[in-house]
């Protein structure tokens, strides 16, 4: 009886393990895709049209007073198909990028 129960547990483990691996792979592949960034001197936005999950825009500026340093302007998390938008000041743009989460 113990051998039969052990065989059932081992067989069930063999079936569940690949399903768990597939589940992880598919959720990792579900991150937003086809993302575009548009920005001006004091604003930025991102739009992702493929995949699932959320995205947000970030604009980094350098303040005209060196002692102030960098200014991060971060938009809200937005679902695929929606725009993430942020306003910033009129300082020198250092970088603009989109972050995603599945």
C-alpha atoms as a PDB file:
ATOM      1  CA  UNK A   1       0.000   0.000   0.000  1.00  0.00           C
ATOM      2  CA  UNK A   2       2.846   2.431   0.856  1.00  0.00           C
ATOM      3  CA  UNK A   3       4.584   1.747  -2.484  1.00  0.00           C
ATOM      4  CA  UNK A   4       1.376   2.540  -4.401  1.00  0.00           C
ATOM      5  CA  UNK A   5       0.850   5.782  -2.458  1.00  0.00           C
ATOM      6  CA  UNK A   6       4.490   6.809  -3.097  1.00  0.00           C
ATOM      7  CA  UNK A   7       4.104   6.088  -6.824  1.00  0.00           C
ATOM      8  CA  UNK A   8       0.988   8.292  -6.913  1.00  0.00           C
ATOM      9  CA  UNK A   9       2.794  11.169  -5.187  1.00  0.00           C
ATOM     10  CA  UNK A  10       5.801  10.871  -7.519  1.00  0.00           C
ATOM     11  CA  UNK A  11       3.537  10.750 -10.603  1.00  0.00           C
ATOM     12  CA  UNK A  12       1.510  13.719  -9.418  1.00  0.00           C
ATOM     13  CA  UNK A  13       4.728  15.651  -8.777  1.00  0.00           C
ATOM     14  CA  UNK A  14       5.924  14.908 -12.303  1.00  0.00           C
ATOM     15  CA  UNK A  15       2.649  16.285 -13.733  1.00  0.00           C
ATOM     16  CA  UNK A  16       2.528  19.416 -11.555  1.00  0.00           C
ATOM     17  CA  UNK A  17       6.166  20.478 -11.981  1.00  0.00           C
ATOM     18  CA  UNK A  18       6.027  21.097 -15.770  1.00  0.00           C
ATOM     19  CA  UNK A  19       2.726  22.970 -15.349  1.00  0.00           C
ATOM     20  CA  UNK A  20       4.367  25.254 -12.800  1.00  0.00           C
ATOM     21  CA  UNK A  21       7.292  25.933 -15.134  1.00  0.00           C
ATOM     22  CA  UNK A  22       4.963  26.726 -18.036  1.00  0.00           C
ATOM     23  CA  UNK A  23       2.955  29.040 -15.777  1.00  0.00           C
ATOM     24  CA  UNK A  24       6.088  31.000 -14.877  1.00  0.00           C
ATOM     25  CA  UNK A  25       7.261  31.247 -18.451  1.00  0.00           C
ATOM     26  CA  UNK A  26       3.938  32.496 -19.766  1.00  0.00           C
ATOM     27  CA  UNK A  27       3.557  35.174 -17.083  1.00  0.00           C
ATOM     28  CA  UNK A  28       7.088  36.432 -17.761  1.00  0.00           C
ATOM     29  CA  UNK A  29       6.261  36.677 -21.475  1.00  0.00           C
ATOM     30  CA  UNK A  30       3.123  38.665 -20.667  1.00  0.00           C
ATOM     31  CA  UNK A  31       4.914  41.949 -19.911  1.00  0.00           C
ATOM     32  CA  UNK A  32       3.830  44.992 -21.957  1.00  0.00           C
ATOM     33  CA  UNK A  33       5.278  45.200 -25.465  1.00  0.00           C
ATOM     34  CA  UNK A  34       5.223  47.629 -28.405  1.00  0.00           C
ATOM     35  CA  UNK A  35       5.901  50.596 -26.115  1.00  0.00           C
ATOM     36  CA  UNK A  36       6.438  54.081 -27.507  1.00  0.00           C
ATOM     37  CA  UNK A  37       7.767  57.174 -25.768  1.00  0.00           C
ATOM     38  CA  UNK A  38       6.840  60.731 -26.692  1.00  0.00           C
ATOM     39  CA  UNK A  39       8.174  63.802 -24.898  1.00  0.00           C
ATOM     40  CA  UNK A  40       8.669  67.546 -25.036  1.00  0.00           C
ATOM     41  CA  UNK A  41      10.765  69.929 -22.976  1.00  0.00           C
ATOM     42  CA  UNK A  42       8.580  69.591 -19.854  1.00  0.00           C
ATOM     43  CA  UNK A  43       6.434  66.462 -20.321  1.00  0.00           C
ATOM     44  CA  UNK A  44       6.693  62.795 -21.292  1.00  0.00           C
ATOM     45  CA  UNK A  45       4.314  59.931 -21.991  1.00  0.00           C
ATOM     46  CA  UNK A  46       4.439  56.243 -22.773  1.00  0.00           C
ATOM     47  CA  UNK A  47       1.961  53.956 -24.491  1.00  0.00           C
ATOM     48  CA  UNK A  48       2.261  50.161 -24.725  1.00  0.00           C
ATOM     49  CA  UNK A  49      -0.132  48.405 -27.096  1.00  0.00           C
ATOM     50  CA  UNK A  50       0.836  44.725 -26.749  1.00  0.00           C
ATOM     51  CA  UNK A  51       1.133  42.131 -24.006  1.00  0.00           C
ATOM     52  CA  UNK A  52      -0.412  42.547 -20.577  1.00  0.00           C
ATOM     53  CA  UNK A  53       0.557  44.262 -17.370  1.00  0.00           C
ATOM     54  CA  UNK A  54       1.430  47.870 -16.710  1.00  0.00           C
ATOM     55  CA  UNK A  55       3.941  50.513 -17.765  1.00  0.00           C
ATOM     56  CA  UNK A  56       4.996  53.971 -16.603  1.00  0.00           C
ATOM     57  CA  UNK A  57       7.063  56.809 -17.998  1.00  0.00           C
ATOM     58  CA  UNK A  58      10.011  58.434 -16.241  1.00  0.00           C
ATOM     59  CA  UNK A  59      11.790  61.637 -17.257  1.00  0.00           C
ATOM     60  CA  UNK A  60      15.020  62.595 -15.503  1.00  0.00           C
ATOM     61  CA  UNK A  61      16.052  66.258 -15.697  1.00  0.00           C
ATOM     62  CA  UNK A  62      19.077  68.175 -14.400  1.00  0.00           C
ATOM     63  CA  UNK A  63      18.151  71.276 -12.408  1.00  0.00           C
ATOM     64  CA  UNK A  64      19.822  74.507 -13.535  1.00  0.00           C
ATOM     65  CA  UNK A  65      21.241  74.886 -10.012  1.00  0.00           C
ATOM     66  CA  UNK A  66      23.965  72.219  -9.709  1.00  0.00           C
ATOM     67  CA  UNK A  67      23.411  71.815  -5.954  1.00  0.00           C
ATOM     68  CA  UNK A  68      19.818  70.683  -6.577  1.00  0.00           C
ATOM     69  CA  UNK A  69      20.899  67.823  -8.827  1.00  0.00           C
ATOM     70  CA  UNK A  70      18.596  65.515 -10.779  1.00  0.00           C
ATOM     71  CA  UNK A  71      14.809  65.777 -10.856  1.00  0.00           C
ATOM     72  CA  UNK A  72      12.857  62.550 -11.461  1.00  0.00           C
ATOM     73  CA  UNK A  73       9.384  63.020 -12.954  1.00  0.00           C
ATOM     74  CA  UNK A  74       7.490  59.732 -12.819  1.00  0.00           C
ATOM     75  CA  UNK A  75       4.097  59.009 -14.344  1.00  0.00           C
ATOM     76  CA  UNK A  76       1.506  56.673 -12.838  1.00  0.00           C
ATOM     77  CA  UNK A  77       1.352  52.962 -13.654  1.00  0.00           C
ATOM     78  CA  UNK A  78      -0.991  52.500 -16.629  1.00  0.00           C
ATOM     79  CA  UNK A  79      -2.505  49.361 -18.130  1.00  0.00           C
ATOM     80  CA  UNK A  80      -1.658  48.269 -21.670  1.00  0.00           C
ATOM     81  CA  UNK A  81      -3.573  50.503 -24.087  1.00  0.00           C
ATOM     82  CA  UNK A  82      -3.583  53.468 -21.699  1.00  0.00           C
ATOM     83  CA  UNK A  83      -1.150  56.390 -21.509  1.00  0.00           C
ATOM     84  CA  UNK A  84       1.212  57.069 -18.609  1.00  0.00           C
ATOM     85  CA  UNK A  85       1.883  60.839 -18.555  1.00  0.00           C
ATOM     86  CA  UNK A  86       4.060  63.090 -16.417  1.00  0.00           C
ATOM     87  CA  UNK A  87       4.813  66.791 -16.370  1.00  0.00           C
ATOM     88  CA  UNK A  88       8.165  68.208 -15.384  1.00  0.00           C
ATOM     89  CA  UNK A  89       9.890  71.592 -15.279  1.00  0.00           C
ATOM     90  CA  UNK A  90      11.826  73.208 -18.116  1.00  0.00           C
ATOM     91  CA  UNK A  91      15.273  71.879 -17.249  1.00  0.00           C
ATOM     92  CA  UNK A  92      17.807  69.894 -19.265  1.00  0.00           C
ATOM     93  CA  UNK A  93      16.528  66.400 -20.055  1.00  0.00           C
ATOM     94  CA  UNK A  94      18.984  63.685 -19.000  1.00  0.00           C
ATOM     95  CA  UNK A  95      16.908  60.626 -19.947  1.00  0.00           C
ATOM     96  CA  UNK A  96      13.398  59.400 -20.677  1.00  0.00           C
ATOM     97  CA  UNK A  97      12.439  55.746 -20.301  1.00  0.00           C
ATOM     98  CA  UNK A  98       9.520  53.401 -19.770  1.00  0.00           C
ATOM     99  CA  UNK A  99       9.335  50.770 -17.004  1.00  0.00           C
ATOM    100  CA  UNK A 100       7.108  47.686 -17.289  1.00  0.00           C
ATOM    101  CA  UNK A 101       5.694  45.136 -14.906  1.00  0.00           C
ATOM    102  CA  UNK A 102       3.810  41.979 -15.822  1.00  0.00           C
END
